[in-house]
Amino acid sequence: MYEVWLEKSAERDLKNLPLQIFTKIIRKIKLLVKTPKPAGCRKITGSKND
């Protein structure tokens, strides 16, 4: 099983969202724990993990 870690700034931004949007995003983030590379995902280019 994987873990998903968020930057502090991302946590702050999420907390400032309306509850409905916050809940939707958190649900999607939690799915990444079970399926870290869902169908249709693409690698972000230009990141330090390239």
N, C-alpha and C. Protein backbone atom coordinates (compact mmCIF):
# COMPACT_ATOMS: atom_id res chain seq x y z
N MET A 1 0.84 -1.17 0.00
CA MET A 1 0.00 0.00 0.00
C MET A 1 0.89 1.25 0.00
N TYR A 2 0.42 2.29 -0.63
CA TYR A 2 1.16 3.54 -0.75
C TYR A 2 0.65 4.56 0.27
N GLU A 3 1.39 5.63 0.41
CA GLU A 3 0.98 6.76 1.24
C GLU A 3 0.98 8.00 0.37
N VAL A 4 0.11 8.93 0.67
CA VAL A 4 0.06 10.21 -0.03
C VAL A 4 0.37 11.29 0.99
N TRP A 5 1.36 12.09 0.71
CA TRP A 5 1.76 13.17 1.60
C TRP A 5 1.48 14.49 0.89
N LEU A 6 0.95 15.45 1.62
CA LEU A 6 0.67 16.77 1.06
C LEU A 6 1.59 17.81 1.69
N GLU A 7 1.98 18.76 0.88
CA GLU A 7 2.74 19.89 1.40
C GLU A 7 1.83 20.69 2.33
N LYS A 8 2.41 21.38 3.28
CA LYS A 8 1.62 22.21 4.21
C LYS A 8 0.79 23.23 3.45
N SER A 9 1.37 23.81 2.40
CA SER A 9 0.63 24.81 1.62
C SER A 9 -0.57 24.19 0.93
N ALA A 10 -0.45 22.95 0.48
CA ALA A 10 -1.59 22.26 -0.15
C ALA A 10 -2.68 21.98 0.88
N GLU A 11 -2.28 21.61 2.10
CA GLU A 11 -3.25 21.38 3.17
C GLU A 11 -4.02 22.66 3.48
N ARG A 12 -3.30 23.78 3.55
CA ARG A 12 -3.96 25.07 3.83
C ARG A 12 -4.94 25.41 2.72
N ASP A 13 -4.51 25.22 1.48
CA ASP A 13 -5.39 25.52 0.34
C ASP A 13 -6.64 24.66 0.37
N LEU A 14 -6.47 23.38 0.67
CA LEU A 14 -7.63 22.48 0.74
C LEU A 14 -8.61 22.90 1.82
N LYS A 15 -8.09 23.31 2.97
CA LYS A 15 -8.95 23.71 4.08
C LYS A 15 -9.76 24.97 3.77
N ASN A 16 -9.31 25.76 2.80
CA ASN A 16 -10.00 26.99 2.44
C ASN A 16 -11.07 26.77 1.37
N LEU A 17 -11.19 25.55 0.87
CA LEU A 17 -12.18 25.25 -0.16
C LEU A 17 -13.56 25.02 0.47
N PRO A 18 -14.61 25.22 -0.32
CA PRO A 18 -15.94 24.85 0.17
C PRO A 18 -15.98 23.36 0.49
N LEU A 19 -16.77 22.99 1.49
CA LEU A 19 -16.81 21.61 1.97
C LEU A 19 -17.07 20.59 0.86
N GLN A 20 -17.97 20.89 -0.04
CA GLN A 20 -18.32 19.95 -1.11
C GLN A 20 -17.11 19.66 -2.01
N ILE A 21 -16.37 20.69 -2.36
CA ILE A 21 -15.19 20.52 -3.22
C ILE A 21 -14.08 19.83 -2.43
N PHE A 22 -13.87 20.25 -1.18
CA PHE A 22 -12.87 19.64 -0.31
C PHE A 22 -13.09 18.13 -0.22
N THR A 23 -14.33 17.72 0.04
CA THR A 23 -14.67 16.31 0.19
C THR A 23 -14.39 15.53 -1.09
N LYS A 24 -14.73 16.12 -2.22
CA LYS A 24 -14.50 15.47 -3.51
C LYS A 24 -13.00 15.25 -3.77
N ILE A 25 -12.20 16.26 -3.49
CA ILE A 25 -10.76 16.16 -3.72
C ILE A 25 -10.13 15.15 -2.76
N ILE A 26 -10.51 15.18 -1.49
CA ILE A 26 -9.96 14.24 -0.51
C ILE A 26 -10.30 12.81 -0.89
N ARG A 27 -11.51 12.59 -1.38
CA ARG A 27 -11.92 11.25 -1.82
C ARG A 27 -11.00 10.76 -2.95
N LYS A 28 -10.69 11.64 -3.90
CA LYS A 28 -9.80 11.28 -5.01
C LYS A 28 -8.37 11.03 -4.52
N ILE A 29 -7.91 11.84 -3.59
CA ILE A 29 -6.56 11.65 -3.06
C ILE A 29 -6.47 10.30 -2.34
N LYS A 30 -7.49 9.95 -1.57
CA LYS A 30 -7.49 8.67 -0.87
C LYS A 30 -7.49 7.49 -1.83
N LEU A 31 -8.09 7.65 -3.01
CA LEU A 31 -8.07 6.58 -4.01
C LEU A 31 -6.65 6.33 -4.52
N LEU A 32 -5.81 7.35 -4.49
CA LEU A 32 -4.43 7.19 -4.95
C LEU A 32 -3.64 6.23 -4.08
N VAL A 33 -4.05 6.05 -2.84
CA VAL A 33 -3.37 5.11 -1.94
C VAL A 33 -3.50 3.69 -2.48
N LYS A 34 -4.68 3.37 -3.00
CA LYS A 34 -4.93 2.02 -3.52
C LYS A 34 -4.51 1.88 -4.98
N THR A 35 -4.67 2.94 -5.75
CA THR A 35 -4.35 2.92 -7.18
C THR A 35 -3.51 4.15 -7.51
N PRO A 36 -2.19 4.08 -7.29
CA PRO A 36 -1.34 5.26 -7.47
C PRO A 36 -1.17 5.71 -8.92
N LYS A 37 -1.46 4.81 -9.86
CA LYS A 37 -1.34 5.17 -11.28
C LYS A 37 -2.64 4.79 -11.99
N PRO A 38 -3.70 5.56 -11.76
CA PRO A 38 -4.99 5.22 -12.38
C PRO A 38 -4.92 5.33 -13.91
N ALA A 39 -5.82 4.64 -14.56
CA ALA A 39 -5.87 4.66 -16.03
C ALA A 39 -6.01 6.10 -16.51
N GLY A 40 -5.26 6.43 -17.53
CA GLY A 40 -5.33 7.77 -18.12
C GLY A 40 -4.41 8.79 -17.48
N CYS A 41 -3.69 8.40 -16.43
CA CYS A 41 -2.81 9.37 -15.78
C CYS A 41 -1.54 9.54 -16.62
N ARG A 42 -0.92 10.71 -16.48
CA ARG A 42 0.32 11.00 -17.19
C ARG A 42 1.34 11.54 -16.20
N LYS A 43 2.59 11.25 -16.45
CA LYS A 43 3.66 11.76 -15.61
C LYS A 43 3.81 13.26 -15.84
N ILE A 44 4.00 14.00 -14.76
CA ILE A 44 4.22 15.44 -14.87
C ILE A 44 5.66 15.66 -15.28
N THR A 45 5.86 16.38 -16.35
CA THR A 45 7.22 16.65 -16.81
C THR A 45 7.75 17.90 -16.13
N GLY A 46 9.03 17.94 -15.98
CA GLY A 46 9.66 19.10 -15.36
C GLY A 46 9.76 19.03 -13.86
N SER A 47 9.31 17.92 -13.27
CA SER A 47 9.41 17.80 -11.81
C SER A 47 10.80 17.30 -11.45
N LYS A 48 11.16 17.43 -10.19
CA LYS A 48 12.49 16.99 -9.77
C LYS A 48 12.64 15.48 -9.76
N ASN A 49 11.55 14.74 -9.97
CA ASN A 49 11.61 13.28 -10.03
C ASN A 49 11.59 12.76 -11.46
N ASP A 50 11.88 13.62 -12.43
CA ASP A 50 11.89 13.23 -13.84
C ASP A 50 12.82 12.09 -14.13
